C-alpha cells in the first residue's frame, strides 16, 4: 500500500486513520559518512533514530531498511508510557481474556491499555515528526546490510544500496532465532502466522483482546493457542502461535486459523476473507550473549532491544532501550546492552523450563495468572513488578510443576558452571 496515502486500520476501540507521512525523509542515495547508522526501520530502529534526530537535529543519522514496499509487521504490548510515538497507535483495548477448556479469565487495566502498532502507521508518524523538526535523518529502503567492518576510526557498512562509513552502528533488526544454545540454557521458538480477517457479518467484539485461546487443544510437545485483536465488529487480526523446541514447526497455521474462524464465530468459507498476513519467529531463551554464536559480519554493531524471554514481548522493552541507547550515543559513551534485573532473569528461567517440560499444563497456568488483578499482571509483564507482586503471582500458580522447573533451573546452572570450568581448563 503506498505510504503517501492515508491507511485505515479499522473503526474499533482506539483504531484510527493514520495521516499521510510528512516531507521527503526517505532517500535512495547513501551519503559517504553518517554520524550514526541504524540497521532496520522497525519499532526500535525508528524510535532510536527519532530520539537522536530530535535531540540533536544536526547529528546525521541513516536508517537502512532491507524491505522495499509494504511492511506487514505489527507490535503489541501494554502501554507503560515509554512509546515516543503514541500518535502511531493503531488500536488499543483496556480489556483482555485468556480462554481454556476450564474457563475464561478476564482482566483490565484502564491506565495501561493493550496497544497495537502497525509498522506502516509507525513509519508514517516518524516521517511526520522528522519532517517537522528538520532532523538530519535519512531512511533508505531496499538496503539490506551484509557486513559491518572496521577501517581506521570508522565502521564501514556494506549494503545492497551501497557502502558508507559511520561513527556508530546500531543493529535494530530484532532478535534472530539461534540454531542452538550452550548446555544448561533453554531455547524455545515462538512461531506465529497472523492473518487480517474481514467478515461479512459483525461477529468480533472490539472491546476485548483474546490473548490466548487454547480451548480444545491439549499438546504434549508444544504450547499452541490462538490470539485475536479485533479492531471492529467485522475485522480482526487472528494469529496462530506455538511455543516449541522444534525449529521446523510442523503446524499448519493457516489451516488452524481457518478452523478457528469456523469454530468460534460460525463463519462459513464464503463469509470471511484475508487481505494481509504477517509471520515470524521470536526466540524465547535464557541464553546470554556469551551463550550464543556471535555474528561474524557485525563486529562493532550495538544490538538494540530484546524480547522478554518468557513471553516474547519486546515493544515496550525496545522503546525503553531506545531512549537509553540514544542518550549514550549523544553523550559519546558506551552503549549498554538491555539487561533485566536478577529476579526477573531467574523467574523467566524457571518459567521457560516449565514451558519446555510441561507444555500440557501451560494453558491453565496462563489462565490462572491472568485471573489475578489486571494491574498486577501488567506490572509483571512490563518488568515493573514489586517483590510483593512477584510473590503473589508465584503463590497463585500450581506448585508441583514449578518446583520441578525450579529444580531443573538449578541443575542447568550447575551444568553451565561445569561447562565454563571445562572451557577455562
Protein backbone atom coordinates (compact mmCIF):
# COMPACT_ATOMS: atom_id res chain seq x y z
CA UNK A 1 0.00 0.00 0.00
CA UNK A 2 1.53 3.38 -0.95
CA UNK A 3 2.72 5.24 2.12
CA UNK A 4 1.71 8.59 0.59
CA UNK A 5 -1.96 7.73 1.08
CA UNK A 6 -3.90 7.52 4.36
CA UNK A 7 -4.39 3.96 5.53
CA UNK A 8 -7.35 2.72 7.55
CA UNK A 9 -6.69 0.39 10.46
CA UNK A 10 -10.33 -0.13 11.36
CA UNK A 11 -13.01 1.54 13.42
CA UNK A 12 -12.80 -0.45 16.63
CA UNK A 13 -11.55 0.52 20.07
CA UNK A 14 -8.77 3.02 19.60
CA UNK A 15 -8.49 2.46 15.85
CA UNK A 16 -7.89 5.45 13.62
CA UNK A 17 -6.87 6.59 10.18
CA UNK A 18 -3.17 7.42 10.05
CA UNK A 19 -2.49 10.68 8.18
CA UNK A 20 -0.14 10.74 5.23
CA UNK A 21 3.59 10.87 6.01
CA UNK A 22 5.47 14.15 6.21
CA UNK A 23 8.01 15.70 3.86
CA UNK A 24 10.52 13.57 2.00
CA UNK A 25 12.84 11.96 4.52
CA UNK A 26 13.03 8.73 2.53
CA UNK A 27 16.15 8.61 0.36
CA UNK A 28 17.59 6.23 -2.19
CA UNK A 29 21.05 7.80 -2.02
CA UNK A 30 23.63 6.98 0.62
CA UNK A 31 25.97 9.66 1.91
CA UNK A 32 29.66 8.84 2.21
CA UNK A 33 29.55 9.21 6.00
CA UNK A 34 26.99 9.39 8.79
CA UNK A 35 27.38 10.00 12.48
CA UNK A 36 25.05 7.08 13.22
CA UNK A 37 23.80 4.21 11.06
CA UNK A 38 20.74 2.33 12.29
CA UNK A 39 20.21 -1.07 10.66
CA UNK A 40 16.47 -1.78 10.49
CA UNK A 41 13.49 0.59 10.29
CA UNK A 42 11.31 -1.36 12.67
CA UNK A 43 9.99 -0.45 16.09
CA UNK A 44 13.31 0.06 17.90
CA UNK A 45 15.28 1.38 14.95
CA UNK A 46 12.84 4.19 14.19
CA UNK A 47 12.43 5.08 17.87
CA UNK A 48 16.20 5.38 18.30
CA UNK A 49 16.69 7.42 15.13
CA UNK A 50 13.84 9.72 16.13
CA UNK A 51 15.24 10.31 19.61
CA UNK A 52 18.73 11.08 18.29
CA UNK A 53 17.50 13.30 15.46
CA UNK A 54 15.00 15.18 17.62
CA UNK A 55 17.52 15.86 20.39
CA UNK A 56 20.34 16.96 18.08
CA UNK A 57 18.90 17.82 14.64
CA UNK A 58 22.41 18.36 13.28
CA UNK A 59 23.51 14.80 14.09
CA UNK A 60 23.39 12.83 10.82
CA UNK A 61 21.54 9.52 11.06
CA UNK A 62 20.96 7.00 8.25
CA UNK A 63 18.41 4.21 8.74
CA UNK A 64 18.93 1.22 6.44
CA UNK A 65 15.85 -0.95 5.89
CA UNK A 66 16.07 -4.21 3.93
CA UNK A 67 12.40 -4.21 2.96
CA UNK A 68 11.17 -2.37 -0.07
CA UNK A 69 7.44 -1.65 -0.14
CA UNK A 70 4.69 -2.56 2.32
CA UNK A 71 5.69 -3.76 5.78
CA UNK A 72 3.07 -6.16 7.26
CA UNK A 73 4.57 -6.27 10.75
CA UNK A 74 2.82 -5.16 13.91
CA UNK A 75 3.78 -4.90 17.56
CA UNK A 76 1.74 -5.18 20.73
CA UNK A 77 2.27 -4.50 24.40
CA UNK A 78 0.75 -2.84 27.42
CA UNK A 79 1.28 0.91 27.36
CA UNK A 80 3.83 1.77 30.05
CA UNK A 81 4.40 5.33 28.87
CA UNK A 82 7.67 4.55 27.09
CA UNK A 83 6.46 4.89 23.50
CA UNK A 84 7.91 8.07 21.89
CA UNK A 85 5.23 7.89 19.18
CA UNK A 86 1.86 7.43 20.92
CA UNK A 87 0.10 9.00 17.93
CA UNK A 88 1.13 5.97 15.86
CA UNK A 89 -1.04 3.65 17.94
CA UNK A 90 -3.22 1.68 15.54
CA UNK A 91 -5.68 0.35 18.15
CA UNK A 92 -5.98 -0.11 21.90
CA UNK A 93 -8.03 -2.11 24.39
CA UNK A 94 -8.47 -1.95 28.17
CA UNK A 95 -9.94 -5.45 28.48
CA UNK A 96 -8.44 -8.84 27.65
CA UNK A 97 -9.19 -12.51 28.17
CA UNK A 98 -7.48 -15.92 28.30
CA UNK A 99 -9.63 -18.92 27.34
CA UNK A 100 -9.10 -22.62 28.09
CA UNK A 101 -11.32 -25.67 28.41
CA UNK A 102 -11.67 -24.91 32.13
CA UNK A 103 -12.98 -21.39 31.70
CA UNK A 104 -12.13 -17.83 30.79
CA UNK A 105 -10.13 -15.29 32.79
CA UNK A 106 -10.68 -11.60 32.07
CA UNK A 107 -8.52 -8.67 33.04
CA UNK A 108 -8.42 -4.91 32.72
CA UNK A 109 -6.08 -2.00 33.45
CA UNK A 110 -7.50 1.25 32.05
CA UNK A 111 -4.32 3.16 32.92
CA UNK A 112 -2.17 0.78 30.89
CA UNK A 113 -4.17 -0.35 27.83
CA UNK A 114 -3.07 -3.09 25.49
CA UNK A 115 -1.93 -1.40 22.28
CA UNK A 116 -1.42 -2.45 18.68
CA UNK A 117 1.06 -0.59 16.48
CA UNK A 118 1.24 -1.45 12.79
CA UNK A 119 4.52 -0.82 11.00
CA UNK A 120 3.02 1.47 8.35
CA UNK A 121 1.38 3.68 10.99
CA UNK A 122 4.62 3.98 12.96
CA UNK A 123 6.65 4.74 9.85
CA UNK A 124 4.21 7.49 8.81
CA UNK A 125 4.33 9.05 12.28
CA UNK A 126 8.14 9.06 12.29
CA UNK A 127 8.26 10.71 8.88
CA UNK A 128 5.85 13.42 10.02
CA UNK A 129 7.91 14.09 13.15
CA UNK A 130 11.21 14.19 11.28
CA UNK A 131 9.77 16.42 8.58
CA UNK A 132 8.51 18.86 11.20
CA UNK A 133 11.81 19.04 13.11
CA UNK A 134 14.16 19.18 10.12
CA UNK A 135 16.33 16.46 11.66
CA UNK A 136 19.19 15.13 9.54
CA UNK A 137 17.74 11.62 9.38
CA UNK A 138 17.52 9.62 6.16
CA UNK A 139 15.58 6.38 5.76
CA UNK A 140 16.79 4.19 2.92
CA UNK A 141 14.58 1.30 1.82
CA UNK A 142 15.88 -1.75 -0.02
CA UNK A 143 19.20 -1.54 1.82
CA UNK A 144 19.94 -4.98 3.24
CA UNK A 145 23.15 -4.84 5.28
CA UNK A 146 25.63 -7.61 4.53
CA UNK A 147 28.58 -6.65 6.73
CA UNK A 148 29.98 -4.13 9.18
CA UNK A 149 33.78 -3.89 9.33
CA UNK A 150 36.32 -1.59 10.95
CA UNK A 151 38.54 0.75 8.96
CA UNK A 152 40.75 3.18 10.86
CA UNK A 153 38.47 5.04 13.28
CA UNK A 154 35.27 4.34 11.30
CA UNK A 155 32.86 1.49 10.86
CA UNK A 156 32.21 0.55 7.23
CA UNK A 157 28.65 -0.57 6.50
CA UNK A 158 28.07 -2.56 3.30
CA UNK A 159 24.53 -2.91 1.99
CA UNK A 160 22.65 -3.59 -1.22
CA UNK A 161 22.17 0.19 -1.55
CA UNK A 162 25.88 0.90 -1.29
CA UNK A 163 28.61 1.43 1.29
CA UNK A 164 29.06 4.19 3.83
CA UNK A 165 31.17 4.96 6.87
CA UNK A 166 29.83 5.73 10.33
CA UNK A 167 30.99 6.62 13.80
CA UNK A 168 28.41 4.31 15.39
CA UNK A 169 26.32 1.41 14.06
CA UNK A 170 23.16 0.25 15.83
CA UNK A 171 21.67 -3.12 14.84
CA UNK A 172 17.89 -2.85 15.28
CA UNK A 173 16.79 -5.79 13.14
CA UNK A 174 15.31 -7.61 16.07
CA UNK A 175 16.15 -10.96 17.63
CA UNK A 176 17.07 -13.81 15.33
CA UNK A 177 16.25 -17.37 16.32
CA UNK A 178 19.58 -19.07 17.02
CA UNK A 179 20.05 -22.64 15.91
CA UNK A 180 21.33 -23.72 19.31
CA UNK A 181 22.43 -22.51 22.70
CA UNK A 182 25.10 -23.81 25.02
CA UNK A 183 24.38 -26.61 27.51
CA UNK A 184 22.38 -25.50 30.53
CA UNK A 185 20.28 -22.98 28.59
CA UNK A 186 16.75 -23.25 27.21
CA UNK A 187 15.71 -22.27 23.69
CA UNK A 188 12.09 -22.25 22.54
CA UNK A 189 10.82 -20.86 19.26
CA UNK A 190 7.73 -18.67 19.31
CA UNK A 191 6.47 -19.18 15.77
CA UNK A 192 3.35 -17.49 14.50
CA UNK A 193 1.25 -16.64 11.48
CA UNK A 194 -1.25 -13.80 11.79
CA UNK A 195 -3.93 -13.06 9.22
CA UNK A 196 -6.13 -9.98 8.98
CA UNK A 197 -9.63 -11.42 8.72
CA UNK A 198 -12.62 -9.49 7.40
CA UNK A 199 -16.09 -10.97 7.81
CA UNK A 200 -19.36 -10.21 6.06
CA UNK A 201 -21.14 -10.36 9.43
CA UNK A 202 -20.46 -8.43 12.64
CA UNK A 203 -19.04 -11.22 14.81
CA UNK A 204 -15.97 -9.75 16.55
CA UNK A 205 -16.07 -7.98 19.91
CA UNK A 206 -13.82 -4.90 19.55
CA UNK A 207 -13.86 -4.24 23.30
CA UNK A 208 -11.80 -7.31 24.25
CA UNK A 209 -8.49 -8.83 23.12
CA UNK A 210 -8.17 -12.60 23.26
CA UNK A 211 -4.57 -13.00 24.38
CA UNK A 212 -4.70 -16.79 24.37
CA UNK A 213 -7.39 -19.27 23.38
CA UNK A 214 -6.35 -22.87 23.98
CA UNK A 215 -9.82 -24.42 24.05
CA UNK A 216 -9.88 -27.87 22.52
CA UNK A 217 -6.06 -28.08 22.43
CA UNK A 218 -4.02 -30.46 24.55
CA UNK A 219 -0.49 -30.56 23.20
CA UNK A 220 2.21 -32.58 24.92
CA UNK A 221 5.14 -31.28 22.86
CA UNK A 222 4.31 -27.59 22.36
CA UNK A 223 2.16 -24.74 23.61
CA UNK A 224 -0.37 -23.79 20.91
CA UNK A 225 -3.01 -21.08 21.09
CA UNK A 226 -4.96 -18.57 19.00
CA UNK A 227 -4.70 -14.81 19.54
CA UNK A 228 -7.33 -12.28 18.41
CA UNK A 229 -7.05 -8.50 18.04
CA UNK A 230 -10.49 -7.23 16.97
CA UNK A 231 -10.36 -3.67 15.60
CA UNK A 232 -14.00 -3.59 14.51
CA UNK A 233 -17.06 -5.89 14.55
CA UNK A 234 -16.05 -7.15 11.10
CA UNK A 235 -12.23 -7.05 11.17
CA UNK A 236 -9.60 -8.70 13.37
CA UNK A 237 -6.06 -9.98 13.38
CA UNK A 238 -6.28 -13.71 14.09
CA UNK A 239 -2.98 -15.36 14.90
CA UNK A 240 -1.91 -18.96 15.43
CA UNK A 241 1.10 -19.21 17.77
CA UNK A 242 3.24 -22.01 19.14
CA UNK A 243 6.00 -22.16 21.74
CA UNK A 244 8.08 -25.11 20.62
CA UNK A 245 11.55 -26.57 20.90
CA UNK A 246 11.22 -27.84 17.33
CA UNK A 247 12.73 -25.27 14.93
CA UNK A 248 10.89 -26.86 11.99
CA UNK A 249 7.41 -26.16 13.42
CA UNK A 250 5.16 -28.60 11.51
CA UNK A 251 1.94 -26.74 12.46
CA UNK A 252 -0.17 -25.56 9.50
CA UNK A 253 -1.01 -22.18 10.99
CA UNK A 254 -3.25 -21.04 8.13
CA UNK A 255 -5.38 -24.15 8.44
CA UNK A 256 -5.56 -23.63 12.21
CA UNK A 257 -6.78 -20.06 11.69
CA UNK A 258 -9.42 -21.19 9.19
CA UNK A 259 -10.68 -23.89 11.55
CA UNK A 260 -10.77 -21.42 14.45
CA UNK A 261 -12.76 -18.84 12.47
CA UNK A 262 -15.33 -21.50 11.63
CA UNK A 263 -15.45 -22.94 15.15
CA UNK A 264 -15.54 -19.78 17.25
CA UNK A 265 -17.64 -17.42 15.13
CA UNK A 266 -19.53 -19.87 12.92
CA UNK A 267 -18.35 -18.21 9.71
CA UNK A 268 -18.60 -20.27 6.56
CA UNK A 269 -15.81 -20.07 3.98
CA UNK A 270 -17.71 -17.53 1.85
CA UNK A 271 -18.36 -15.21 4.83
CA UNK A 272 -14.77 -14.20 5.55
CA UNK A 273 -11.51 -13.47 3.74
CA UNK A 274 -7.97 -12.26 4.46
CA UNK A 275 -6.13 -9.34 2.89
CA UNK A 276 -2.86 -9.23 4.81
CA UNK A 277 -0.57 -11.61 6.67
CA UNK A 278 2.45 -11.49 8.95
CA UNK A 279 4.60 -14.31 10.24
CA UNK A 280 7.78 -14.73 12.18
CA UNK A 281 9.84 -16.46 14.82
CA UNK A 282 10.76 -14.95 18.19
CA UNK A 283 13.41 -16.70 20.30
CA UNK A 284 12.45 -17.42 23.90
CA UNK A 285 15.68 -18.19 25.72
CA UNK A 286 17.53 -17.51 28.94
CA UNK A 287 20.78 -17.54 26.97
CA UNK A 288 23.04 -14.57 27.48
CA UNK A 289 25.01 -13.06 24.56
CA UNK A 290 28.03 -15.12 25.59
CA UNK A 291 25.95 -18.29 25.20
CA UNK A 292 25.14 -17.57 21.55
CA UNK A 293 27.31 -17.82 18.46
CA UNK A 294 28.41 -14.28 17.62
CA UNK A 295 27.55 -12.80 14.22
CA UNK A 296 30.95 -12.52 12.44
CA UNK A 297 29.57 -9.97 9.95
CA UNK A 298 28.57 -7.39 12.56
CA UNK A 299 31.61 -6.55 14.72
CA UNK A 300 31.16 -3.24 16.49
CA UNK A 301 27.41 -3.03 15.81
CA UNK A 302 25.49 -2.47 19.04
CA UNK A 303 22.41 -4.69 19.16
CA UNK A 304 19.28 -2.82 20.20
CA UNK A 305 16.42 -4.19 22.23
CA UNK A 306 15.44 -7.72 23.05
CA UNK A 307 12.27 -9.63 23.82
CA UNK A 308 11.15 -10.85 27.23
CA UNK A 309 12.45 -14.45 27.39
CA UNK A 310 9.32 -15.91 28.98
CA UNK A 311 6.74 -14.14 26.78
CA UNK A 312 8.31 -12.82 23.58
CA UNK A 313 7.01 -9.29 24.21
CA UNK A 314 9.50 -6.67 23.05
CA UNK A 315 7.69 -3.47 22.04
CA UNK A 316 7.80 -1.61 25.37
CA UNK A 317 11.24 -3.02 26.20
CA UNK A 318 12.53 -1.81 22.85
CA UNK A 319 11.13 1.68 23.39
CA UNK A 320 12.77 1.90 26.80
CA UNK A 321 16.08 0.66 25.45
CA UNK A 322 15.92 3.11 22.53
CA UNK A 323 15.84 6.00 24.99
CA UNK A 324 18.91 4.66 26.82
CA UNK A 325 20.81 4.00 23.59
CA UNK A 326 20.09 7.45 22.18
CA UNK A 327 21.27 9.10 25.38
CA UNK A 328 24.59 7.22 25.30
CA UNK A 329 25.15 7.79 21.57
CA UNK A 330 24.61 11.52 22.00
CA UNK A 331 26.92 11.59 25.01
CA UNK A 332 29.60 9.53 23.25
CA UNK A 333 29.59 6.90 25.99
CA UNK A 334 29.49 3.09 25.54
CA UNK A 335 26.07 1.73 24.62
CA UNK A 336 24.90 -0.75 27.29
CA UNK A 337 23.03 -3.93 26.39
CA UNK A 338 19.48 -4.36 27.62
CA UNK A 339 19.67 -6.43 30.80
CA UNK A 340 16.96 -7.44 33.22
CA UNK A 341 17.23 -7.38 36.98
CA UNK A 342 18.39 -10.63 38.55
CA UNK A 343 14.95 -11.50 39.98
CA UNK A 344 13.31 -11.15 36.56
CA UNK A 345 16.00 -13.28 34.89
CA UNK A 346 15.54 -16.01 37.47
CA UNK A 347 11.75 -16.08 37.21
CA UNK A 348 11.97 -16.16 33.41
CA UNK A 349 14.46 -19.03 33.54
CA UNK A 350 12.12 -21.08 35.74
CA UNK A 351 9.11 -20.29 33.55
CA UNK A 352 10.96 -21.27 30.36
CA UNK A 353 11.77 -24.67 31.82
CA UNK A 354 8.15 -25.12 32.79
CA UNK A 355 7.06 -24.29 29.21
CA UNK A 356 9.64 -26.71 27.81
CA UNK A 357 8.90 -29.59 30.17
CA UNK A 358 5.14 -29.25 30.77
CA UNK A 359 3.50 -27.61 27.74
CA UNK A 360 0.32 -29.54 28.51
CA UNK A 361 -0.07 -27.56 31.77
CA UNK A 362 0.76 -24.17 30.25
CA UNK A 363 -2.74 -23.08 29.07
CA UNK A 364 -4.28 -23.44 32.51
CA UNK A 365 -1.28 -21.76 34.15
CA UNK A 366 -1.71 -18.75 31.85
CA UNK A 367 -5.43 -18.64 32.65
CA UNK A 368 -4.73 -18.69 36.39
CA UNK A 369 -2.11 -15.98 36.03
CA UNK A 370 -4.47 -13.69 34.12
CA UNK A 371 -7.18 -14.27 36.74
CA UNK A 372 -5.09 -12.10 39.06
CA UNK A 373 -5.82 -8.35 39.19
CA UNK A 374 -5.10 -6.76 35.83
CA UNK A 375 -2.70 -4.05 37.09
CA UNK A 376 -0.60 -6.67 38.92
CA UNK A 377 -0.30 -8.85 35.81
CA UNK A 378 0.57 -5.85 33.65
CA UNK A 379 3.26 -4.71 36.08
CA UNK A 380 4.80 -8.18 35.93
CA UNK A 381 4.69 -8.41 32.14
CA UNK A 382 6.20 -4.93 31.69
CA UNK A 383 9.03 -5.54 34.20
CA UNK A 384 7.62 -3.06 36.74
CA UNK A 385 6.52 -5.60 39.36
CA UNK A 386 7.49 -5.33 43.01
CA UNK A 387 8.74 -8.22 45.10
CA UNK A 388 5.26 -8.46 46.65
CA UNK A 389 3.75 -8.66 43.14
CA UNK A 390 6.09 -11.49 42.19
CA UNK A 391 5.31 -13.41 45.36
CA UNK A 392 1.55 -13.07 44.76
CA UNK A 393 1.96 -14.36 41.24
CA UNK A 394 4.14 -17.31 42.26
CA UNK A 395 1.70 -18.32 45.01
CA UNK A 396 -1.18 -18.34 42.51
CA UNK A 397 0.50 -20.91 40.26
CA UNK A 398 0.48 -24.72 40.69
CA UNK A 399 3.35 -25.75 42.96
CA UNK A 400 4.44 -29.18 41.72
CA UNK A 401 5.34 -28.37 38.08
CA UNK A 402 7.07 -25.15 39.10
CA UNK A 403 9.07 -26.85 41.84
CA UNK A 404 10.22 -29.28 39.14
CA UNK A 405 11.10 -26.32 36.90
CA UNK A 406 12.98 -24.73 39.80
CA UNK A 407 15.00 -27.92 40.29
CA UNK A 408 15.72 -28.02 36.56
CA UNK A 409 16.89 -24.39 36.68
CA UNK A 410 19.35 -25.18 39.48
CA UNK A 411 20.57 -28.29 37.65
CA UNK A 412 21.09 -26.33 34.45
CA UNK A 413 23.04 -23.73 36.42
CA UNK A 414 25.39 -26.46 37.62
CA UNK A 415 25.75 -27.70 34.03
CA UNK A 416 26.73 -24.19 32.88
CA UNK A 417 29.21 -23.91 35.71
CA UNK A 418 30.81 -27.19 34.71
CA UNK A 419 30.86 -26.12 31.05
CA UNK A 420 32.64 -22.85 31.93
CA UNK A 421 35.15 -24.73 34.06
CA UNK A 422 35.98 -27.10 31.18
CA UNK A 423 36.43 -24.22 28.74
CA UNK A 424 38.87 -22.48 31.08
CA UNK A 425 40.94 -25.60 31.72
